[in-house]
């Protein structure tokens, strides 16, 4: 397959377009987004944020039982 500059430019734009679709149409998407503080006041607050994100992920991510062998 021949790779040219146009192909190298379009591929990241396509990925960015998919990102925008997932953000603005969350009902049609299989992904979800989490917004987290980047700076905290203390280490306890940091750990609290980390644990809350882990809890959110555990609640949101579902395993498809049909595709698992165990």
PDB file of N, CA and C in Angstrom:
ATOM      1  N   UNK A   1       0.834  -1.176   0.000  1.00  0.00           N
ATOM      2  CA  UNK A   1       0.000   0.000   0.000  1.00  0.00           C
ATOM      3  C   UNK A   1       0.879   1.239   0.000  1.00  0.00           C
ATOM      4  N   UNK A   2       0.546   2.142  -0.861  1.00  0.00           N
ATOM      5  CA  UNK A   2       1.315   3.372  -0.954  1.00  0.00           C
ATOM      6  C   UNK A   2       0.847   4.359   0.112  1.00  0.00           C
ATOM      7  N   UNK A   3       1.783   4.876   0.851  1.00  0.00           N
ATOM      8  CA  UNK A   3       1.465   5.858   1.893  1.00  0.00           C
ATOM      9  C   UNK A   3       1.960   7.218   1.415  1.00  0.00           C
ATOM     10  N   UNK A   4       1.064   8.164   1.417  1.00  0.00           N
ATOM     11  CA  UNK A   4       1.464   9.512   1.024  1.00  0.00           C
ATOM     12  C   UNK A   4       1.108  10.499   2.121  1.00  0.00           C
ATOM     13  N   UNK A   5       1.416  11.720   1.909  1.00  0.00           N
ATOM     14  CA  UNK A   5       1.174  12.738   2.937  1.00  0.00           C
ATOM     15  C   UNK A   5      -0.302  12.906   3.246  1.00  0.00           C
ATOM     16  N   UNK A   6      -1.157  12.786   2.247  1.00  0.00           N
ATOM     17  CA  UNK A   6      -2.587  12.961   2.477  1.00  0.00           C
ATOM     18  C   UNK A   6      -3.103  11.889   3.435  1.00  0.00           C
ATOM     19  N   UNK A   7      -2.685  10.652   3.239  1.00  0.00           N
ATOM     20  CA  UNK A   7      -3.111   9.555   4.101  1.00  0.00           C
ATOM     21  C   UNK A   7      -2.631   9.770   5.534  1.00  0.00           C
ATOM     22  N   UNK A   8      -1.407  10.224   5.683  1.00  0.00           N
ATOM     23  CA  UNK A   8      -0.863  10.473   7.018  1.00  0.00           C
ATOM     24  C   UNK A   8      -1.602  11.592   7.726  1.00  0.00           C
ATOM     25  N   UNK A   9      -2.142  12.547   6.983  1.00  0.00           N
ATOM     26  CA  UNK A   9      -2.871  13.661   7.573  1.00  0.00           C
ATOM     27  C   UNK A   9      -4.306  13.269   7.889  1.00  0.00           C
ATOM     28  N   UNK A  10      -4.947  12.509   7.024  1.00  0.00           N
ATOM     29  CA  UNK A  10      -6.367  12.185   7.184  1.00  0.00           C
ATOM     30  C   UNK A  10      -6.594  11.219   8.338  1.00  0.00           C
ATOM     31  N   UNK A  11      -5.707  10.266   8.540  1.00  0.00           N
ATOM     32  CA  UNK A  11      -5.920   9.262   9.584  1.00  0.00           C
ATOM     33  C   UNK A  11      -6.063   9.874  10.981  1.00  0.00           C
ATOM     34  N   UNK A  12      -5.178  10.780  11.427  1.00  0.00           N
ATOM     35  CA  UNK A  12      -5.398  11.394  12.748  1.00  0.00           C
ATOM     36  C   UNK A  12      -6.662  12.247  12.801  1.00  0.00           C
ATOM     37  N   UNK A  13      -7.018  12.865  11.689  1.00  0.00           N
ATOM     38  CA  UNK A  13      -8.250  13.665  11.661  1.00  0.00           C
ATOM     39  C   UNK A  13      -9.457  12.751  11.823  1.00  0.00           C
ATOM     40  N   UNK A  14      -9.415  11.571  11.231  1.00  0.00           N
ATOM     41  CA  UNK A  14     -10.505  10.613  11.377  1.00  0.00           C
ATOM     42  C   UNK A  14     -10.634  10.176  12.837  1.00  0.00           C
ATOM     43  N   UNK A  15      -9.518   9.929  13.501  1.00  0.00           N
ATOM     44  CA  UNK A  15      -9.550   9.551  14.916  1.00  0.00           C
ATOM     45  C   UNK A  15     -10.122  10.686  15.770  1.00  0.00           C
ATOM     46  N   UNK A  16      -9.753  11.918  15.434  1.00  0.00           N
ATOM     47  CA  UNK A  16     -10.287  13.069  16.167  1.00  0.00           C
ATOM     48  C   UNK A  16     -11.788  13.200  15.924  1.00  0.00           C
ATOM     49  N   UNK A  17     -12.231  12.921  14.707  1.00  0.00           N
ATOM     50  CA  UNK A  17     -13.667  12.954  14.405  1.00  0.00           C
ATOM     51  C   UNK A  17     -14.423  11.916  15.210  1.00  0.00           C
ATOM     52  N   UNK A  18     -13.837  10.720  15.362  1.00  0.00           N
ATOM     53  CA  UNK A  18     -14.479   9.686  16.183  1.00  0.00           C
ATOM     54  C   UNK A  18     -14.552  10.119  17.644  1.00  0.00           C
ATOM     55  N   UNK A  19     -13.518  10.791  18.125  1.00  0.00           N
ATOM     56  CA  UNK A  19     -13.518  11.317  19.488  1.00  0.00           C
ATOM     57  C   UNK A  19     -14.655  12.316  19.672  1.00  0.00           C
ATOM     58  N   UNK A  20     -14.830  13.235  18.724  1.00  0.00           N
ATOM     59  CA  UNK A  20     -15.904  14.218  18.821  1.00  0.00           C
ATOM     60  C   UNK A  20     -17.274  13.545  18.786  1.00  0.00           C
ATOM     61  N   UNK A  21     -17.449  12.533  17.944  1.00  0.00           N
ATOM     62  CA  UNK A  21     -18.723  11.809  17.899  1.00  0.00           C
ATOM     63  C   UNK A  21     -19.025  11.162  19.247  1.00  0.00           C
ATOM     64  N   UNK A  22     -18.014  10.556  19.865  1.00  0.00           N
ATOM     65  CA  UNK A  22     -18.222   9.911  21.162  1.00  0.00           C
ATOM     66  C   UNK A  22     -18.592  10.922  22.238  1.00  0.00           C
ATOM     67  N   UNK A  23     -18.010  12.107  22.187  1.00  0.00           N
ATOM     68  CA  UNK A  23     -18.296  13.124  23.201  1.00  0.00           C
ATOM     69  C   UNK A  23     -19.688  13.711  23.021  1.00  0.00           C
ATOM     70  N   UNK A  24     -20.069  14.046  21.776  1.00  0.00           N
ATOM     71  CA  UNK A  24     -21.334  14.743  21.549  1.00  0.00           C
ATOM     72  C   UNK A  24     -22.524  13.810  21.360  1.00  0.00           C
ATOM     73  N   UNK A  25     -22.302  12.524  21.092  1.00  0.00           N
ATOM     74  CA  UNK A  25     -23.389  11.554  20.981  1.00  0.00           C
ATOM     75  C   UNK A  25     -23.099  10.361  21.888  1.00  0.00           C
ATOM     76  N   UNK A  26     -23.168  10.541  23.197  1.00  0.00           N
ATOM     77  CA  UNK A  26     -22.789   9.447  24.104  1.00  0.00           C
ATOM     78  C   UNK A  26     -23.742   8.259  24.046  1.00  0.00           C
ATOM     79  N   UNK A  27     -24.978   8.451  23.594  1.00  0.00           N
ATOM     80  CA  UNK A  27     -25.906   7.322  23.549  1.00  0.00           C
ATOM     81  C   UNK A  27     -25.533   6.340  22.444  1.00  0.00           C
ATOM     82  N   UNK A  28     -24.914   6.812  21.358  1.00  0.00           N
ATOM     83  CA  UNK A  28     -24.539   5.935  20.251  1.00  0.00           C
ATOM     84  C   UNK A  28     -23.142   5.357  20.418  1.00  0.00           C
ATOM     85  N   UNK A  29     -22.440   5.736  21.454  1.00  0.00           N
ATOM     86  CA  UNK A  29     -21.042   5.357  21.621  1.00  0.00           C
ATOM     87  C   UNK A  29     -20.898   4.172  22.565  1.00  0.00           C
ATOM     88  N   UNK A  30     -19.792   3.430  22.386  1.00  0.00           N
ATOM     89  CA  UNK A  30     -19.481   2.355  23.324  1.00  0.00           C
ATOM     90  C   UNK A  30     -18.400   2.805  24.309  1.00  0.00           C
ATOM     91  N   UNK A  31     -18.031   4.065  24.254  1.00  0.00           N
ATOM     92  CA  UNK A  31     -17.023   4.631  25.145  1.00  0.00           C
ATOM     93  C   UNK A  31     -17.672   5.666  26.064  1.00  0.00           C
ATOM     94  N   UNK A  32     -16.998   6.018  27.148  1.00  0.00           N
ATOM     95  CA  UNK A  32     -17.445   7.123  27.981  1.00  0.00           C
ATOM     96  C   UNK A  32     -16.232   7.884  28.472  1.00  0.00           C
ATOM     97  N   UNK A  33     -16.472   9.101  28.924  1.00  0.00           N
ATOM     98  CA  UNK A  33     -15.378  10.000  29.274  1.00  0.00           C
ATOM     99  C   UNK A  33     -15.466  10.392  30.733  1.00  0.00           C
ATOM    100  N   UNK A  34     -14.312  10.517  31.344  1.00  0.00           N
ATOM    101  CA  UNK A  34     -14.224  10.893  32.752  1.00  0.00           C
ATOM    102  C   UNK A  34     -13.386  12.163  32.836  1.00  0.00           C
ATOM    103  N   UNK A  35     -13.891  13.148  33.550  1.00  0.00           N
ATOM    104  CA  UNK A  35     -13.150  14.391  33.751  1.00  0.00           C
ATOM    105  C   UNK A  35     -12.663  14.420  35.193  1.00  0.00           C
ATOM    106  N   UNK A  36     -11.350  14.593  35.357  1.00  0.00           N
ATOM    107  CA  UNK A  36     -10.729  14.491  36.676  1.00  0.00           C
ATOM    108  C   UNK A  36      -9.872  15.725  36.914  1.00  0.00           C
ATOM    109  N   UNK A  37      -9.848  16.179  38.178  1.00  0.00           N
ATOM    110  CA  UNK A  37      -8.971  17.303  38.539  1.00  0.00           C
ATOM    111  C   UNK A  37      -7.516  16.935  38.312  1.00  0.00           C
ATOM    112  N   UNK A  38      -6.753  17.887  37.801  1.00  0.00           N
ATOM    113  CA  UNK A  38      -5.347  17.637  37.541  1.00  0.00           C
ATOM    114  C   UNK A  38      -4.461  18.008  38.722  1.00  0.00           C
ATOM    115  N   UNK A  39      -4.898  18.976  39.514  1.00  0.00           N
ATOM    116  CA  UNK A  39      -4.123  19.406  40.680  1.00  0.00           C
ATOM    117  C   UNK A  39      -4.977  19.254  41.930  1.00  0.00           C
ATOM    118  N   UNK A  40      -4.336  18.792  42.993  1.00  0.00           N
ATOM    119  CA  UNK A  40      -5.042  18.643  44.267  1.00  0.00           C
ATOM    120  C   UNK A  40      -4.283  19.370  45.367  1.00  0.00           C
ATOM    121  N   UNK A  41      -4.966  19.569  46.471  1.00  0.00           N
ATOM    122  CA  UNK A  41      -4.373  20.283  47.597  1.00  0.00           C
ATOM    123  C   UNK A  41      -3.510  19.352  48.440  1.00  0.00           C
ATOM    124  N   UNK A  42      -4.007  18.119  48.627  1.00  0.00           N
ATOM    125  CA  UNK A  42      -3.286  17.196  49.507  1.00  0.00           C
ATOM    126  C   UNK A  42      -3.231  15.802  48.896  1.00  0.00           C
ATOM    127  N   UNK A  43      -2.433  14.971  49.507  1.00  0.00           N
ATOM    128  CA  UNK A  43      -2.304  13.595  49.050  1.00  0.00           C
ATOM    129  C   UNK A  43      -3.587  12.807  49.310  1.00  0.00           C
ATOM    130  N   UNK A  44      -4.279  13.116  50.390  1.00  0.00           N
ATOM    131  CA  UNK A  44      -5.534  12.446  50.699  1.00  0.00           C
ATOM    132  C   UNK A  44      -6.593  12.734  49.632  1.00  0.00           C
ATOM    133  N   UNK A  45      -6.633  13.986  49.173  1.00  0.00           N
ATOM    134  CA  UNK A  45      -7.581  14.348  48.123  1.00  0.00           C
ATOM    135  C   UNK A  45      -7.242  13.607  46.831  1.00  0.00           C
ATOM    136  N   UNK A  46      -5.969  13.483  46.538  1.00  0.00           N
ATOM    137  CA  UNK A  46      -5.532  12.748  45.349  1.00  0.00           C
ATOM    138  C   UNK A  46      -5.988  11.295  45.417  1.00  0.00           C
ATOM    139  N   UNK A  47      -5.768  10.652  46.565  1.00  0.00           N
ATOM    140  CA  UNK A  47      -6.179   9.263  46.735  1.00  0.00           C
ATOM    141  C   UNK A  47      -7.693   9.114  46.659  1.00  0.00           C
ATOM    142  N   UNK A  48      -8.410  10.086  47.194  1.00  0.00           N
ATOM    143  CA  UNK A  48      -9.867  10.071  47.123  1.00  0.00           C
ATOM    144  C   UNK A  48     -10.347  10.126  45.670  1.00  0.00           C
ATOM    145  N   UNK A  49      -9.733  10.972  44.871  1.00  0.00           N
ATOM    146  CA  UNK A  49     -10.101  11.085  43.456  1.00  0.00           C
ATOM    147  C   UNK A  49      -9.793   9.783  42.724  1.00  0.00           C
ATOM    148  N   UNK A  50      -8.631   9.207  42.992  1.00  0.00           N
ATOM    149  CA  UNK A  50      -8.252   7.956  42.342  1.00  0.00           C
ATOM    150  C   UNK A  50      -9.243   6.848  42.678  1.00  0.00           C
ATOM    151  N   UNK A  51      -9.613   6.715  43.952  1.00  0.00           N
ATOM    152  CA  UNK A  51     -10.556   5.675  44.355  1.00  0.00           C
ATOM    153  C   UNK A  51     -11.945   5.911  43.769  1.00  0.00           C
ATOM    154  N   UNK A  52     -12.369   7.169  43.665  1.00  0.00           N
ATOM    155  CA  UNK A  52     -13.683   7.437  43.082  1.00  0.00           C
ATOM    156  C   UNK A  52     -13.707   7.111  41.589  1.00  0.00           C
ATOM    157  N   UNK A  53     -12.601   7.353  40.892  1.00  0.00           N
ATOM    158  CA  UNK A  53     -12.526   7.002  39.472  1.00  0.00           C
ATOM    159  C   UNK A  53     -12.539   5.484  39.303  1.00  0.00           C
ATOM    160  N   UNK A  54     -11.817   4.773  40.143  1.00  0.00           N
ATOM    161  CA  UNK A  54     -11.809   3.308  40.089  1.00  0.00           C
ATOM    162  C   UNK A  54     -13.201   2.758  40.346  1.00  0.00           C
ATOM    163  N   UNK A  55     -13.897   3.323  41.317  1.00  0.00           N
ATOM    164  CA  UNK A  55     -15.259   2.886  41.616  1.00  0.00           C
ATOM    165  C   UNK A  55     -16.189   3.154  40.441  1.00  0.00           C
ATOM    166  N   UNK A  56     -16.057   4.321  39.814  1.00  0.00           N
ATOM    167  CA  UNK A  56     -16.860   4.649  38.635  1.00  0.00           C
ATOM    168  C   UNK A  56     -16.599   3.652  37.517  1.00  0.00           C
ATOM    169  N   UNK A  57     -15.331   3.328  37.272  1.00  0.00           N
ATOM    170  CA  UNK A  57     -14.995   2.375  36.217  1.00  0.00           C
ATOM    171  C   UNK A  57     -15.558   0.988  36.522  1.00  0.00           C
ATOM    172  N   UNK A  58     -15.476   0.562  37.778  1.00  0.00           N
ATOM    173  CA  UNK A  58     -16.036  -0.740  38.144  1.00  0.00           C
ATOM    174  C   UNK A  58     -17.538  -0.787  37.941  1.00  0.00           C
ATOM    175  N   UNK A  59     -18.227   0.328  38.161  1.00  0.00           N
ATOM    176  CA  UNK A  59     -19.671   0.361  37.991  1.00  0.00           C
ATOM    177  C   UNK A  59     -20.089   0.480  36.524  1.00  0.00           C
ATOM    178  N   UNK A  60     -19.305   1.183  35.722  1.00  0.00           N
ATOM    179  CA  UNK A  60     -19.699   1.436  34.330  1.00  0.00           C
ATOM    180  C   UNK A  60     -19.319   0.333  33.357  1.00  0.00           C
ATOM    181  N   UNK A  61     -18.167  -0.304  33.558  1.00  0.00           N
ATOM    182  CA  UNK A  61     -17.695  -1.302  32.610  1.00  0.00           C
ATOM    183  C   UNK A  61     -18.387  -2.634  32.895  1.00  0.00           C
ATOM    184  N   UNK A  62     -19.031  -3.157  31.853  1.00  0.00           N
ATOM    185  CA  UNK A  62     -19.748  -4.413  31.984  1.00  0.00           C
ATOM    186  C   UNK A  62     -19.057  -5.468  31.127  1.00  0.00           C
ATOM    187  N   UNK A  63     -19.042  -6.690  31.619  1.00  0.00           N
ATOM    188  CA  UNK A  63     -18.430  -7.800  30.895  1.00  0.00           C
ATOM    189  C   UNK A  63     -19.511  -8.505  30.092  1.00  0.00           C
ATOM    190  N   UNK A  64     -19.227  -8.742  28.814  1.00  0.00           N
ATOM    191  CA  UNK A  64     -20.146  -9.477  27.960  1.00  0.00           C
ATOM    192  C   UNK A  64     -19.962 -10.962  28.243  1.00  0.00           C
ATOM    193  N   UNK A  65     -20.923 -11.549  28.924  1.00  0.00           N
ATOM    194  CA  UNK A  65     -20.802 -12.931  29.378  1.00  0.00           C
ATOM    195  C   UNK A  65     -20.759 -13.936  28.232  1.00  0.00           C
ATOM    196  N   UNK A  66     -21.291 -13.584  27.072  1.00  0.00           N
ATOM    197  CA  UNK A  66     -21.342 -14.517  25.960  1.00  0.00           C
ATOM    198  C   UNK A  66     -19.978 -14.751  25.334  1.00  0.00           C
ATOM    199  N   UNK A  67     -19.077 -13.754  25.398  1.00  0.00           N
ATOM    200  CA  UNK A  67     -17.793 -13.862  24.746  1.00  0.00           C
ATOM    201  C   UNK A  67     -16.710 -14.457  25.633  1.00  0.00           C
ATOM    202  N   UNK A  68     -16.989 -14.677  26.895  1.00  0.00           N
ATOM    203  CA  UNK A  68     -15.960 -15.202  27.795  1.00  0.00           C
ATOM    204  C   UNK A  68     -16.066 -16.720  27.855  1.00  0.00           C
ATOM    205  N   UNK A  69     -14.914 -17.361  27.998  1.00  0.00           N
ATOM    206  CA  UNK A  69     -14.895 -18.816  28.062  1.00  0.00           C
ATOM    207  C   UNK A  69     -14.852 -19.326  29.485  1.00  0.00           C
ATOM    208  N   UNK A  70     -14.589 -18.487  30.452  1.00  0.00           N
ATOM    209  CA  UNK A  70     -14.482 -18.915  31.831  1.00  0.00           C
ATOM    210  C   UNK A  70     -15.565 -18.333  32.662  1.00  0.00           C
TER     211      UNK A  70
END
